[in-house]
């Protein structure tokens, strides 16, 4: 996915500003695909891999 890091970064910025994560469906789909994960200790989404196709 070309913009995965940007999407995750922006979701974390949004959460810090507004108190909730946006695009939860997208973030959950990224997690299911092994591309991102939610780190409860950091209270942030993290990129764990990059799609190659």
PDB file of N, CA and C in Angstrom:
ATOM      1  N   UNK A   1       0.859  -1.178   0.000  1.00  0.00           N
ATOM      2  CA  UNK A   1       0.000   0.000   0.000  1.00  0.00           C
ATOM      3  C   UNK A   1       0.893   1.225   0.000  1.00  0.00           C
ATOM      4  N   UNK A   2       0.690   2.064  -0.958  1.00  0.00           N
ATOM      5  CA  UNK A   2       1.574   3.194  -1.203  1.00  0.00           C
ATOM      6  C   UNK A   2       1.609   4.203  -0.056  1.00  0.00           C
ATOM      7  N   UNK A   3       0.497   4.437   0.597  1.00  0.00           N
ATOM      8  CA  UNK A   3       0.442   5.503   1.596  1.00  0.00           C
ATOM      9  C   UNK A   3       0.130   4.993   2.995  1.00  0.00           C
ATOM     10  N   UNK A   4       0.444   3.761   3.274  1.00  0.00           N
ATOM     11  CA  UNK A   4       0.126   3.160   4.569  1.00  0.00           C
ATOM     12  C   UNK A   4       0.706   3.970   5.725  1.00  0.00           C
ATOM     13  N   UNK A   5       1.965   4.318   5.665  1.00  0.00           N
ATOM     14  CA  UNK A   5       2.595   5.067   6.754  1.00  0.00           C
ATOM     15  C   UNK A   5       1.919   6.414   6.960  1.00  0.00           C
ATOM     16  N   UNK A   6       1.571   7.087   5.880  1.00  0.00           N
ATOM     17  CA  UNK A   6       0.898   8.382   5.977  1.00  0.00           C
ATOM     18  C   UNK A   6      -0.476   8.246   6.624  1.00  0.00           C
ATOM     19  N   UNK A   7      -1.221   7.215   6.233  1.00  0.00           N
ATOM     20  CA  UNK A   7      -2.560   6.998   6.783  1.00  0.00           C
ATOM     21  C   UNK A   7      -2.479   6.727   8.282  1.00  0.00           C
ATOM     22  N   UNK A   8      -1.553   5.869   8.695  1.00  0.00           N
ATOM     23  CA  UNK A   8      -1.402   5.532  10.112  1.00  0.00           C
ATOM     24  C   UNK A   8      -0.952   6.764  10.902  1.00  0.00           C
ATOM     25  N   UNK A   9      -0.005   7.503  10.367  1.00  0.00           N
ATOM     26  CA  UNK A   9       0.471   8.721  11.039  1.00  0.00           C
ATOM     27  C   UNK A   9      -0.679   9.713  11.214  1.00  0.00           C
ATOM     28  N   UNK A  10      -1.443   9.938  10.161  1.00  0.00           N
ATOM     29  CA  UNK A  10      -2.561  10.882  10.237  1.00  0.00           C
ATOM     30  C   UNK A  10      -3.641  10.413  11.201  1.00  0.00           C
ATOM     31  N   UNK A  11      -3.879   9.105  11.273  1.00  0.00           N
ATOM     32  CA  UNK A  11      -4.860   8.578  12.223  1.00  0.00           C
ATOM     33  C   UNK A  11      -4.423   8.862  13.658  1.00  0.00           C
ATOM     34  N   UNK A  12      -3.132   8.721  13.935  1.00  0.00           N
ATOM     35  CA  UNK A  12      -2.624   9.007  15.277  1.00  0.00           C
ATOM     36  C   UNK A  12      -2.707  10.493  15.603  1.00  0.00           C
ATOM     37  N   UNK A  13      -2.415  11.350  14.641  1.00  0.00           N
ATOM     38  CA  UNK A  13      -2.535  12.796  14.846  1.00  0.00           C
ATOM     39  C   UNK A  13      -3.987  13.159  15.126  1.00  0.00           C
ATOM     40  N   UNK A  14      -4.911  12.615  14.341  1.00  0.00           N
ATOM     41  CA  UNK A  14      -6.339  12.865  14.526  1.00  0.00           C
ATOM     42  C   UNK A  14      -6.774  12.449  15.928  1.00  0.00           C
ATOM     43  N   UNK A  15      -6.335  11.272  16.372  1.00  0.00           N
ATOM     44  CA  UNK A  15      -6.722  10.771  17.694  1.00  0.00           C
ATOM     45  C   UNK A  15      -6.225  11.696  18.800  1.00  0.00           C
ATOM     46  N   UNK A  16      -5.004  12.184  18.687  1.00  0.00           N
ATOM     47  CA  UNK A  16      -4.475  13.094  19.711  1.00  0.00           C
ATOM     48  C   UNK A  16      -5.281  14.395  19.755  1.00  0.00           C
ATOM     49  N   UNK A  17      -5.726  14.847  18.604  1.00  0.00           N
ATOM     50  CA  UNK A  17      -6.468  16.109  18.541  1.00  0.00           C
ATOM     51  C   UNK A  17      -7.930  15.951  18.954  1.00  0.00           C
ATOM     52  N   UNK A  18      -8.593  14.885  18.491  1.00  0.00           N
ATOM     53  CA  UNK A  18     -10.035  14.755  18.657  1.00  0.00           C
ATOM     54  C   UNK A  18     -10.449  13.657  19.639  1.00  0.00           C
ATOM     55  N   UNK A  19      -9.502  12.863  20.126  1.00  0.00           N
ATOM     56  CA  UNK A  19      -9.823  11.872  21.154  1.00  0.00           C
ATOM     57  C   UNK A  19     -10.424  10.573  20.658  1.00  0.00           C
ATOM     58  N   UNK A  20     -10.403  10.356  19.363  1.00  0.00           N
ATOM     59  CA  UNK A  20     -10.893   9.087  18.814  1.00  0.00           C
ATOM     60  C   UNK A  20     -10.148   8.800  17.512  1.00  0.00           C
ATOM     61  N   UNK A  21     -10.065   7.528  17.190  1.00  0.00           N
ATOM     62  CA  UNK A  21      -9.386   7.138  15.957  1.00  0.00           C
ATOM     63  C   UNK A  21     -10.347   7.213  14.783  1.00  0.00           C
ATOM     64  N   UNK A  22      -9.935   7.826  13.693  1.00  0.00           N
ATOM     65  CA  UNK A  22     -10.766   7.869  12.493  1.00  0.00           C
ATOM     66  C   UNK A  22     -10.565   6.590  11.678  1.00  0.00           C
ATOM     67  N   UNK A  23     -11.388   6.376  10.711  1.00  0.00           N
ATOM     68  CA  UNK A  23     -11.196   5.299   9.730  1.00  0.00           C
ATOM     69  C   UNK A  23     -10.934   3.956  10.391  1.00  0.00           C
ATOM     70  N   UNK A  24     -11.673   3.649  11.443  1.00  0.00           N
ATOM     71  CA  UNK A  24     -11.415   2.406  12.169  1.00  0.00           C
ATOM     72  C   UNK A  24     -11.540   1.177  11.281  1.00  0.00           C
ATOM     73  N   UNK A  25     -12.429   1.213  10.305  1.00  0.00           N
ATOM     74  CA  UNK A  25     -12.560   0.087   9.377  1.00  0.00           C
ATOM     75  C   UNK A  25     -11.280  -0.142   8.594  1.00  0.00           C
ATOM     76  N   UNK A  26     -10.669   0.925   8.126  1.00  0.00           N
ATOM     77  CA  UNK A  26      -9.398   0.821   7.395  1.00  0.00           C
ATOM     78  C   UNK A  26      -8.297   0.312   8.316  1.00  0.00           C
ATOM     79  N   UNK A  27      -8.200   0.890   9.516  1.00  0.00           N
ATOM     80  CA  UNK A  27      -7.149   0.480  10.450  1.00  0.00           C
ATOM     81  C   UNK A  27      -7.309  -0.991  10.826  1.00  0.00           C
ATOM     82  N   UNK A  28      -8.538  -1.419  11.064  1.00  0.00           N
ATOM     83  CA  UNK A  28      -8.786  -2.833  11.380  1.00  0.00           C
ATOM     84  C   UNK A  28      -8.406  -3.736  10.205  1.00  0.00           C
ATOM     85  N   UNK A  29      -8.711  -3.300   8.990  1.00  0.00           N
ATOM     86  CA  UNK A  29      -8.350  -4.086   7.805  1.00  0.00           C
ATOM     87  C   UNK A  29      -6.835  -4.175   7.655  1.00  0.00           C
ATOM     88  N   UNK A  30      -6.130  -3.084   7.926  1.00  0.00           N
ATOM     89  CA  UNK A  30      -4.663  -3.111   7.878  1.00  0.00           C
ATOM     90  C   UNK A  30      -4.131  -4.093   8.917  1.00  0.00           C
ATOM     91  N   UNK A  31      -4.738  -4.105  10.105  1.00  0.00           N
ATOM     92  CA  UNK A  31      -4.305  -5.030  11.160  1.00  0.00           C
ATOM     93  C   UNK A  31      -4.548  -6.478  10.737  1.00  0.00           C
ATOM     94  N   UNK A  32      -5.704  -6.755  10.163  1.00  0.00           N
ATOM     95  CA  UNK A  32      -6.016  -8.113   9.709  1.00  0.00           C
ATOM     96  C   UNK A  32      -5.049  -8.584   8.629  1.00  0.00           C
ATOM     97  N   UNK A  33      -4.568  -7.651   7.815  1.00  0.00           N
ATOM     98  CA  UNK A  33      -3.619  -7.985   6.743  1.00  0.00           C
ATOM     99  C   UNK A  33      -2.181  -8.037   7.251  1.00  0.00           C
ATOM    100  N   UNK A  34      -1.967  -7.733   8.547  1.00  0.00           N
ATOM    101  CA  UNK A  34      -0.622  -7.764   9.116  1.00  0.00           C
ATOM    102  C   UNK A  34       0.218  -6.548   8.763  1.00  0.00           C
ATOM    103  N   UNK A  35      -0.425  -5.482   8.314  1.00  0.00           N
ATOM    104  CA  UNK A  35       0.309  -4.285   7.904  1.00  0.00           C
ATOM    105  C   UNK A  35       0.449  -3.255   9.013  1.00  0.00           C
ATOM    106  N   UNK A  36      -0.447  -3.318   9.992  1.00  0.00           N
ATOM    107  CA  UNK A  36      -0.423  -2.360  11.099  1.00  0.00           C
ATOM    108  C   UNK A  36      -0.974  -3.045  12.335  1.00  0.00           C
ATOM    109  N   UNK A  37      -0.700  -2.441  13.482  1.00  0.00           N
ATOM    110  CA  UNK A  37      -1.254  -2.970  14.729  1.00  0.00           C
ATOM    111  C   UNK A  37      -1.450  -1.821  15.701  1.00  0.00           C
ATOM    112  N   UNK A  38      -2.394  -2.007  16.608  1.00  0.00           N
ATOM    113  CA  UNK A  38      -2.625  -1.015  17.651  1.00  0.00           C
ATOM    114  C   UNK A  38      -1.783  -1.375  18.857  1.00  0.00           C
ATOM    115  N   UNK A  39      -0.993  -0.440  19.337  1.00  0.00           N
ATOM    116  CA  UNK A  39      -0.158  -0.628  20.526  1.00  0.00           C
ATOM    117  C   UNK A  39      -0.847   0.106  21.674  1.00  0.00           C
ATOM    118  N   UNK A  40      -1.490  -0.646  22.566  1.00  0.00           N
ATOM    119  CA  UNK A  40      -2.250  -0.041  23.662  1.00  0.00           C
ATOM    120  C   UNK A  40      -1.347   0.739  24.612  1.00  0.00           C
ATOM    121  N   UNK A  41      -0.144   0.257  24.839  1.00  0.00           N
ATOM    122  CA  UNK A  41       0.772   0.958  25.742  1.00  0.00           C
ATOM    123  C   UNK A  41       1.131   2.341  25.200  1.00  0.00           C
ATOM    124  N   UNK A  42       1.359   2.422  23.906  1.00  0.00           N
ATOM    125  CA  UNK A  42       1.684   3.704  23.268  1.00  0.00           C
ATOM    126  C   UNK A  42       0.420   4.477  22.888  1.00  0.00           C
ATOM    127  N   UNK A  43      -0.747   3.812  22.953  1.00  0.00           N
ATOM    128  CA  UNK A  43      -2.018   4.377  22.517  1.00  0.00           C
ATOM    129  C   UNK A  43      -1.891   4.935  21.107  1.00  0.00           C
ATOM    130  N   UNK A  44      -1.337   4.096  20.216  1.00  0.00           N
ATOM    131  CA  UNK A  44      -1.104   4.527  18.838  1.00  0.00           C
ATOM    132  C   UNK A  44      -1.096   3.320  17.908  1.00  0.00           C
ATOM    133  N   UNK A  45      -1.435   3.597  16.656  1.00  0.00           N
ATOM    134  CA  UNK A  45      -1.299   2.602  15.605  1.00  0.00           C
ATOM    135  C   UNK A  45       0.118   2.642  15.075  1.00  0.00           C
ATOM    136  N   UNK A  46       0.664   1.465  14.769  1.00  0.00           N
ATOM    137  CA  UNK A  46       2.021   1.345  14.261  1.00  0.00           C
ATOM    138  C   UNK A  46       2.005   0.534  12.966  1.00  0.00           C
ATOM    139  N   UNK A  47       2.848   0.911  12.038  1.00  0.00           N
ATOM    140  CA  UNK A  47       3.010   0.158  10.804  1.00  0.00           C
ATOM    141  C   UNK A  47       3.895  -1.039  11.106  1.00  0.00           C
ATOM    142  N   UNK A  48       3.475  -2.237  10.685  1.00  0.00           N
ATOM    143  CA  UNK A  48       4.259  -3.433  10.946  1.00  0.00           C
ATOM    144  C   UNK A  48       4.807  -4.052   9.665  1.00  0.00           C
ATOM    145  N   UNK A  49       4.328  -3.616   8.525  1.00  0.00           N
ATOM    146  CA  UNK A  49       4.787  -4.160   7.259  1.00  0.00           C
ATOM    147  C   UNK A  49       4.306  -3.295   6.112  1.00  0.00           C
ATOM    148  N   UNK A  50       4.767  -3.591   4.951  1.00  0.00           N
ATOM    149  CA  UNK A  50       4.364  -2.849   3.755  1.00  0.00           C
ATOM    150  C   UNK A  50       3.881  -3.840   2.708  1.00  0.00           C
ATOM    151  N   UNK A  51       2.792  -3.535   2.073  1.00  0.00           N
ATOM    152  CA  UNK A  51       2.311  -4.363   0.974  1.00  0.00           C
ATOM    153  C   UNK A  51       3.260  -4.210  -0.205  1.00  0.00           C
ATOM    154  N   UNK A  52       3.515  -5.283  -0.887  1.00  0.00           N
ATOM    155  CA  UNK A  52       4.462  -5.228  -2.010  1.00  0.00           C
ATOM    156  C   UNK A  52       3.775  -5.253  -3.351  1.00  0.00           C
ATOM    157  N   UNK A  53       2.470  -5.501  -3.394  1.00  0.00           N
ATOM    158  CA  UNK A  53       1.821  -5.597  -4.709  1.00  0.00           C
ATOM    159  C   UNK A  53       1.162  -4.333  -5.116  1.00  0.00           C
TER     160      UNK A  53
END
